[in-house]
Amino acid sequence: MNGWWDRHVVPRLIGCACRQPAVMKDRAKVVPLASGDVLELGCGGAANLQYYDWYKVKRLSGVDPSPELLDRAQNELAASGRSANFVAGVAEALPFASGSFDTVVTTFTLCSVQDPMGALSEARRVLRPGGKLLFVEHGLAPDASPAKWQGRIEPVWKNIAGGCHLTRPVTRAISAAGFVTDTPQGHYMKRTPRWLGWVEYGEARLAS
């Protein structure tokens, strides 16, 4: 049952949820800042394609573990006339050489990877000196009431939502992984339950 659900239902849920207007509005704040050789973690579904500044992006690569979402991304690439190197894989073991990228983009991805610190460590590895991590992620709410509900709902939620966690810290985890964040922002998305709607976004660079 879980295998069928993960193959056929979860990609549709993710495709719908990750293109909600509030979500797309937050993507639009960060993705255009990508430049040079860019790697996107969780590229399946191609929700970010419309926001890249293609005058600044030299090459775009991406990794995603879902064949269904990768197929959707390839279809969107073909329809847009753009090219990218989107491959199957996981963020915790990136199939790219160290120091390959100027920018790593992660949007609504760290909630569902098996090991967020491992994924951030890999992002550090593949970045060149002076490279940047651009992030838009939902996670642990700063207020007691929604955070309490997140803890209650998460055990069921992650089983039906492709492993999506509600209680993972965002900026704090990025800082702990050796990045310095540049004025990160956080807010509750409109028209979204507070236990699901806390989002943090910003730019981070490798700590010297």
C-alpha atoms as a PDB file:
ATOM      1  CA  MET A   1       0.000   0.000   0.000  1.00  0.00           C
ATOM      2  CA  ASN A   2       2.759   2.418   0.972  1.00  0.00           C
ATOM      3  CA  GLY A   3       4.638   1.707  -2.245  1.00  0.00           C
ATOM      4  CA  TRP A   4       1.544   2.367  -4.355  1.00  0.00           C
ATOM      5  CA  TRP A   5       0.741   5.516  -2.355  1.00  0.00           C
ATOM      6  CA  ASP A   6       4.291   6.842  -2.662  1.00  0.00           C
ATOM      7  CA  ARG A   7       4.438   6.175  -6.413  1.00  0.00           C
ATOM      8  CA  HIS A   8       1.017   7.373  -7.486  1.00  0.00           C
ATOM      9  CA  VAL A   9      -0.476   9.663  -4.844  1.00  0.00           C
ATOM     10  CA  VAL A  10       2.450  11.445  -3.202  1.00  0.00           C
ATOM     11  CA  PRO A  11       3.828  12.961  -6.458  1.00  0.00           C
ATOM     12  CA  ARG A  12       0.387  14.417  -7.181  1.00  0.00           C
ATOM     13  CA  LEU A  13       0.072  15.775  -3.629  1.00  0.00           C
ATOM     14  CA  ILE A  14       3.525  17.325  -3.790  1.00  0.00           C
ATOM     15  CA  GLY A  15       2.881  18.773  -7.218  1.00  0.00           C
ATOM     16  CA  CYS A  16      -0.298  20.423  -5.994  1.00  0.00           C
ATOM     17  CA  ALA A  17       0.916  21.584  -2.571  1.00  0.00           C
ATOM     18  CA  CYS A  18       4.216  22.951  -3.845  1.00  0.00           C
ATOM     19  CA  ARG A  19       2.504  25.160  -6.417  1.00  0.00           C
ATOM     20  CA  GLN A  20       0.035  26.863  -4.101  1.00  0.00           C
ATOM     21  CA  PRO A  21       0.078  30.665  -4.556  1.00  0.00           C
ATOM     22  CA  ALA A  22       1.618  31.321  -1.129  1.00  0.00           C
ATOM     23  CA  VAL A  23       4.364  28.771  -1.817  1.00  0.00           C
ATOM     24  CA  MET A  24       5.116  30.171  -5.263  1.00  0.00           C
ATOM     25  CA  LYS A  25       5.276  33.680  -3.841  1.00  0.00           C
ATOM     26  CA  ASP A  26       8.033  32.600  -1.465  1.00  0.00           C
ATOM     27  CA  ARG A  27       9.915  30.788  -4.237  1.00  0.00           C
ATOM     28  CA  ALA A  28       9.872  34.011  -6.254  1.00  0.00           C
ATOM     29  CA  LYS A  29      11.715  35.850  -3.472  1.00  0.00           C
ATOM     30  CA  VAL A  30      14.760  33.573  -3.523  1.00  0.00           C
ATOM     31  CA  VAL A  31      15.178  31.555  -6.738  1.00  0.00           C
ATOM     32  CA  PRO A  32      16.000  34.601  -8.955  1.00  0.00           C
ATOM     33  CA  LEU A  33      19.119  35.158  -6.830  1.00  0.00           C
ATOM     34  CA  ALA A  34      20.736  31.985  -8.208  1.00  0.00           C
ATOM     35  CA  SER A  35      23.728  32.549 -10.484  1.00  0.00           C
ATOM     36  CA  GLY A  36      26.554  30.721 -12.229  1.00  0.00           C
ATOM     37  CA  ASP A  37      26.524  26.930 -12.125  1.00  0.00           C
ATOM     38  CA  VAL A  38      23.388  26.093 -10.123  1.00  0.00           C
ATOM     39  CA  LEU A  39      22.294  22.895  -8.402  1.00  0.00           C
ATOM     40  CA  GLU A  40      18.706  22.450  -7.230  1.00  0.00           C
ATOM     41  CA  LEU A  41      17.948  19.912  -4.517  1.00  0.00           C
ATOM     42  CA  GLY A  42      14.541  18.321  -5.063  1.00  0.00           C
ATOM     43  CA  CYS A  43      14.154  19.533  -8.630  1.00  0.00           C
ATOM     44  CA  GLY A  44      11.278  17.168  -9.438  1.00  0.00           C
ATOM     45  CA  GLY A  45       8.134  18.928 -10.532  1.00  0.00           C
ATOM     46  CA  ALA A  46      10.134  21.895 -11.860  1.00  0.00           C
ATOM     47  CA  ALA A  47       8.196  24.447  -9.812  1.00  0.00           C
ATOM     48  CA  ASN A  48      11.207  26.784  -9.754  1.00  0.00           C
ATOM     49  CA  LEU A  49      11.910  26.893 -13.490  1.00  0.00           C
ATOM     50  CA  GLN A  50       9.860  30.036 -14.087  1.00  0.00           C
ATOM     51  CA  TYR A  51      11.764  31.980 -11.439  1.00  0.00           C
ATOM     52  CA  TYR A  52      15.373  31.483 -12.524  1.00  0.00           C
ATOM     53  CA  ASP A  53      17.067  34.498 -14.061  1.00  0.00           C
ATOM     54  CA  TRP A  54      18.468  32.784 -17.115  1.00  0.00           C
ATOM     55  CA  TYR A  55      20.784  35.710 -17.814  1.00  0.00           C
ATOM     56  CA  LYS A  56      22.590  34.881 -14.564  1.00  0.00           C
ATOM     57  CA  VAL A  57      22.354  31.079 -14.628  1.00  0.00           C
ATOM     58  CA  LYS A  58      25.161  29.503 -16.638  1.00  0.00           C
ATOM     59  CA  ARG A  59      24.115  25.869 -16.158  1.00  0.00           C
ATOM     60  CA  LEU A  60      21.318  24.275 -14.150  1.00  0.00           C
ATOM     61  CA  SER A  61      21.550  20.835 -12.604  1.00  0.00           C
ATOM     62  CA  GLY A  62      19.177  19.112 -10.228  1.00  0.00           C
ATOM     63  CA  VAL A  63      18.637  15.947  -8.240  1.00  0.00           C
ATOM     64  CA  ASP A  64      15.446  14.227  -7.095  1.00  0.00           C
ATOM     65  CA  PRO A  65      14.664  10.688  -5.863  1.00  0.00           C
ATOM     66  CA  SER A  66      11.191  10.480  -7.443  1.00  0.00           C
ATOM     67  CA  PRO A  67      11.020   9.089 -11.004  1.00  0.00           C
ATOM     68  CA  GLU A  68       7.479  10.445 -11.350  1.00  0.00           C
ATOM     69  CA  LEU A  69       8.479  13.986 -10.363  1.00  0.00           C
ATOM     70  CA  LEU A  70      11.603  13.827 -12.526  1.00  0.00           C
ATOM     71  CA  ASP A  71       9.438  12.896 -15.518  1.00  0.00           C
ATOM     72  CA  ARG A  72       7.279  15.923 -14.817  1.00  0.00           C
ATOM     73  CA  ALA A  73      10.370  18.126 -14.602  1.00  0.00           C
ATOM     74  CA  GLN A  74      11.687  16.832 -17.920  1.00  0.00           C
ATOM     75  CA  ASN A  75       8.326  17.537 -19.563  1.00  0.00           C
ATOM     76  CA  GLU A  76       8.305  21.080 -18.214  1.00  0.00           C
ATOM     77  CA  LEU A  77      11.871  21.602 -19.423  1.00  0.00           C
ATOM     78  CA  ALA A  78      10.902  20.464 -22.907  1.00  0.00           C
ATOM     79  CA  ALA A  79       7.878  22.756 -22.922  1.00  0.00           C
ATOM     80  CA  SER A  80       9.952  25.731 -21.781  1.00  0.00           C
ATOM     81  CA  GLY A  81      12.707  25.215 -24.323  1.00  0.00           C
ATOM     82  CA  ARG A  82      15.296  25.231 -21.543  1.00  0.00           C
ATOM     83  CA  SER A  83      17.951  22.616 -20.845  1.00  0.00           C
ATOM     84  CA  ALA A  84      19.120  21.248 -17.512  1.00  0.00           C
ATOM     85  CA  ASN A  85      20.905  18.228 -16.117  1.00  0.00           C
ATOM     86  CA  PHE A  86      18.210  16.720 -13.886  1.00  0.00           C
ATOM     87  CA  VAL A  87      19.211  13.317 -12.500  1.00  0.00           C
ATOM     88  CA  ALA A  88      17.916  10.724 -10.065  1.00  0.00           C
ATOM     89  CA  GLY A  89      19.522  10.778  -6.650  1.00  0.00           C
ATOM     90  CA  VAL A  90      19.281  11.925  -3.055  1.00  0.00           C
ATOM     91  CA  ALA A  91      20.522  15.108  -1.450  1.00  0.00           C
ATOM     92  CA  GLU A  92      22.540  13.143   1.120  1.00  0.00           C
ATOM     93  CA  ALA A  93      24.756  11.594  -1.597  1.00  0.00           C
ATOM     94  CA  LEU A  94      24.965  14.041  -4.474  1.00  0.00           C
ATOM     95  CA  PRO A  95      26.325  12.554  -7.728  1.00  0.00           C
ATOM     96  CA  PHE A  96      28.501  15.605  -8.419  1.00  0.00           C
ATOM     97  CA  ALA A  97      32.147  16.424  -7.820  1.00  0.00           C
ATOM     98  CA  SER A  98      33.236  18.655  -4.965  1.00  0.00           C
ATOM     99  CA  GLY A  99      33.393  22.355  -5.788  1.00  0.00           C
ATOM    100  CA  SER A 100      31.158  22.059  -8.855  1.00  0.00           C
ATOM    101  CA  PHE A 101      28.603  24.803  -8.193  1.00  0.00           C
ATOM    102  CA  ASP A 102      28.291  28.485  -7.429  1.00  0.00           C
ATOM    103  CA  THR A 103      24.763  28.199  -6.038  1.00  0.00           C
ATOM    104  CA  VAL A 104      22.748  25.452  -4.365  1.00  0.00           C
ATOM    105  CA  VAL A 105      18.972  25.964  -4.229  1.00  0.00           C
ATOM    106  CA  THR A 106      16.729  24.093  -1.798  1.00  0.00           C
ATOM    107  CA  THR A 107      13.010  24.863  -1.708  1.00  0.00           C
ATOM    108  CA  PHE A 108      10.576  22.833   0.404  1.00  0.00           C
ATOM    109  CA  THR A 109      13.007  19.910   0.305  1.00  0.00           C
ATOM    110  CA  LEU A 110      14.814  19.645   3.652  1.00  0.00           C
ATOM    111  CA  CYS A 111      11.537  18.674   5.317  1.00  0.00           C
ATOM    112  CA  SER A 112      11.473  15.348   3.489  1.00  0.00           C
ATOM    113  CA  VAL A 113      15.088  14.216   3.122  1.00  0.00           C
ATOM    114  CA  GLN A 114      16.073  11.359   5.419  1.00  0.00           C
ATOM    115  CA  ASP A 115      19.075  13.223   6.847  1.00  0.00           C
ATOM    116  CA  PRO A 116      18.884  17.036   6.613  1.00  0.00           C
ATOM    117  CA  MET A 117      22.337  17.561   8.102  1.00  0.00           C
ATOM    118  CA  GLY A 118      23.758  15.074   5.628  1.00  0.00           C
ATOM    119  CA  ALA A 119      22.071  16.954   2.792  1.00  0.00           C
ATOM    120  CA  LEU A 120      23.467  20.274   4.005  1.00  0.00           C
ATOM    121  CA  SER A 121      26.921  18.731   4.365  1.00  0.00           C
ATOM    122  CA  GLU A 122      26.714  17.602   0.736  1.00  0.00           C
ATOM    123  CA  ALA A 123      25.605  21.088  -0.293  1.00  0.00           C
ATOM    124  CA  ARG A 124      28.747  22.463   1.362  1.00  0.00           C
ATOM    125  CA  ARG A 125      30.890  19.895  -0.420  1.00  0.00           C
ATOM    126  CA  VAL A 126      29.704  20.701  -3.925  1.00  0.00           C
ATOM    127  CA  LEU A 127      29.856  24.494  -3.481  1.00  0.00           C
ATOM    128  CA  ARG A 128      32.853  26.430  -4.688  1.00  0.00           C
ATOM    129  CA  PRO A 129      34.607  28.900  -2.369  1.00  0.00           C
ATOM    130  CA  GLY A 130      32.345  31.942  -2.117  1.00  0.00           C
ATOM    131  CA  GLY A 131      29.333  29.897  -3.186  1.00  0.00           C
ATOM    132  CA  LYS A 132      25.862  30.399  -1.732  1.00  0.00           C
ATOM    133  CA  LEU A 133      22.949  28.340  -0.511  1.00  0.00           C
ATOM    134  CA  LEU A 134      19.507  29.766  -1.310  1.00  0.00           C
ATOM    135  CA  PHE A 135      16.696  28.305   0.781  1.00  0.00           C
ATOM    136  CA  VAL A 136      12.933  28.428   1.202  1.00  0.00           C
ATOM    137  CA  GLU A 137      11.815  25.784   3.666  1.00  0.00           C
ATOM    138  CA  HIS A 138       8.910  25.146   6.011  1.00  0.00           C
ATOM    139  CA  GLY A 139       9.648  23.819   9.461  1.00  0.00           C
ATOM    140  CA  LEU A 140       9.422  24.154  13.216  1.00  0.00           C
ATOM    141  CA  ALA A 141       7.216  27.086  14.199  1.00  0.00           C
ATOM    142  CA  PRO A 142       8.636  29.628  16.685  1.00  0.00           C
ATOM    143  CA  ASP A 143       5.395  29.827  18.673  1.00  0.00           C
ATOM    144  CA  ALA A 144       4.383  27.297  21.302  1.00  0.00           C
ATOM    145  CA  SER A 145       0.848  26.486  20.140  1.00  0.00           C
ATOM    146  CA  PRO A 146       1.570  25.636  16.468  1.00  0.00           C
ATOM    147  CA  ALA A 147       4.809  23.894  17.497  1.00  0.00           C
ATOM    148  CA  LYS A 148       2.822  21.674  19.874  1.00  0.00           C
ATOM    149  CA  TRP A 149       0.391  20.782  17.091  1.00  0.00           C
ATOM    150  CA  GLN A 150       3.280  20.076  14.752  1.00  0.00           C
ATOM    151  CA  GLY A 151       4.594  17.490  17.198  1.00  0.00           C
ATOM    152  CA  ARG A 152       1.185  15.872  17.481  1.00  0.00           C
ATOM    153  CA  ILE A 153       0.441  15.767  13.762  1.00  0.00           C
ATOM    154  CA  GLU A 154       3.894  14.892  12.390  1.00  0.00           C
ATOM    155  CA  PRO A 155       3.823  11.091  13.005  1.00  0.00           C
ATOM    156  CA  VAL A 156       0.749  10.742  10.782  1.00  0.00           C
ATOM    157  CA  TRP A 157       1.597  13.575   8.387  1.00  0.00           C
ATOM    158  CA  LYS A 158       4.996  12.233   7.341  1.00  0.00           C
ATOM    159  CA  ASN A 159       3.456   8.863   6.454  1.00  0.00           C
ATOM    160  CA  ILE A 160       0.926  10.361   4.056  1.00  0.00           C
ATOM    161  CA  ALA A 161       3.030  13.251   2.715  1.00  0.00           C
ATOM    162  CA  GLY A 162       6.121  11.553   1.345  1.00  0.00           C
ATOM    163  CA  GLY A 163       8.184  11.742   4.525  1.00  0.00           C
ATOM    164  CA  CYS A 164       7.539  15.457   5.075  1.00  0.00           C
ATOM    165  CA  HIS A 165       8.476  16.498   8.625  1.00  0.00           C
ATOM    166  CA  LEU A 166       6.893  19.439  10.424  1.00  0.00           C
ATOM    167  CA  THR A 167       9.270  19.911  13.356  1.00  0.00           C
ATOM    168  CA  ARG A 168      12.650  20.358  11.690  1.00  0.00           C
ATOM    169  CA  PRO A 169      14.368  23.694  12.342  1.00  0.00           C
ATOM    170  CA  VAL A 170      15.422  25.560   9.213  1.00  0.00           C
ATOM    171  CA  THR A 171      17.870  28.445   9.700  1.00  0.00           C
ATOM    172  CA  ARG A 172      19.244  26.902  12.889  1.00  0.00           C
ATOM    173  CA  ALA A 173      20.088  23.687  11.029  1.00  0.00           C
ATOM    174  CA  ILE A 174      21.697  25.603   8.160  1.00  0.00           C
ATOM    175  CA  SER A 175      23.881  27.531  10.600  1.00  0.00           C
ATOM    176  CA  ALA A 176      24.822  24.320  12.420  1.00  0.00           C
ATOM    177  CA  ALA A 177      25.951  22.838   9.095  1.00  0.00           C
ATOM    178  CA  GLY A 178      28.615  25.527   8.690  1.00  0.00           C
ATOM    179  CA  PHE A 179      26.788  28.244   6.787  1.00  0.00           C
ATOM    180  CA  VAL A 180      26.416  31.901   7.683  1.00  0.00           C
ATOM    181  CA  THR A 181      22.904  33.149   6.939  1.00  0.00           C
ATOM    182  CA  ASP A 182      22.338  36.637   5.564  1.00  0.00           C
ATOM    183  CA  THR A 183      19.278  38.216   7.258  1.00  0.00           C
ATOM    184  CA  PRO A 184      16.986  35.183   7.035  1.00  0.00           C
ATOM    185  CA  GLN A 185      13.254  35.865   7.045  1.00  0.00           C
ATOM    186  CA  GLY A 186      10.365  33.906   8.511  1.00  0.00           C
ATOM    187  CA  HIS A 187       6.585  34.114   8.383  1.00  0.00           C
ATOM    188  CA  TYR A 188       3.372  32.119   8.435  1.00  0.00           C
ATOM    189  CA  MET A 189       1.934  31.619   4.962  1.00  0.00           C
ATOM    190  CA  LYS A 190      -1.517  33.072   4.423  1.00  0.00           C
ATOM    191  CA  ARG A 191      -4.491  30.739   4.136  1.00  0.00           C
ATOM    192  CA  THR A 192      -2.413  27.892   5.578  1.00  0.00           C
ATOM    193  CA  PRO A 193      -2.783  26.197   8.983  1.00  0.00           C
ATOM    194  CA  ARG A 194      -0.097  27.561  11.309  1.00  0.00           C
ATOM    195  CA  TRP A 195       1.175  24.061  12.052  1.00  0.00           C
ATOM    196  CA  LEU A 196       1.992  23.722   8.342  1.00  0.00           C
ATOM    197  CA  GLY A 197       2.603  27.315   7.319  1.00  0.00           C
ATOM    198  CA  TRP A 198       5.805  28.472   9.041  1.00  0.00           C
ATOM    199  CA  VAL A 199       8.407  29.248   6.345  1.00  0.00           C
ATOM    200  CA  GLU A 200      11.981  30.542   6.567  1.00  0.00           C
ATOM    201  CA  TYR A 201      13.925  31.802   3.575  1.00  0.00           C
ATOM    202  CA  GLY A 202      17.173  33.547   2.759  1.00  0.00           C
ATOM    203  CA  GLU A 203      20.744  33.254   1.522  1.00  0.00           C
ATOM    204  CA  ALA A 204      23.618  31.535   3.281  1.00  0.00           C
ATOM    205  CA  ARG A 205      27.318  31.313   2.550  1.00  0.00           C
ATOM    206  CA  LEU A 206      30.068  29.014   3.711  1.00  0.00           C
ATOM    207  CA  ALA A 207      31.505  29.982   7.083  1.00  0.00           C
ATOM    208  CA  SER A 208      35.161  30.995   6.798  1.00  0.00           C
END
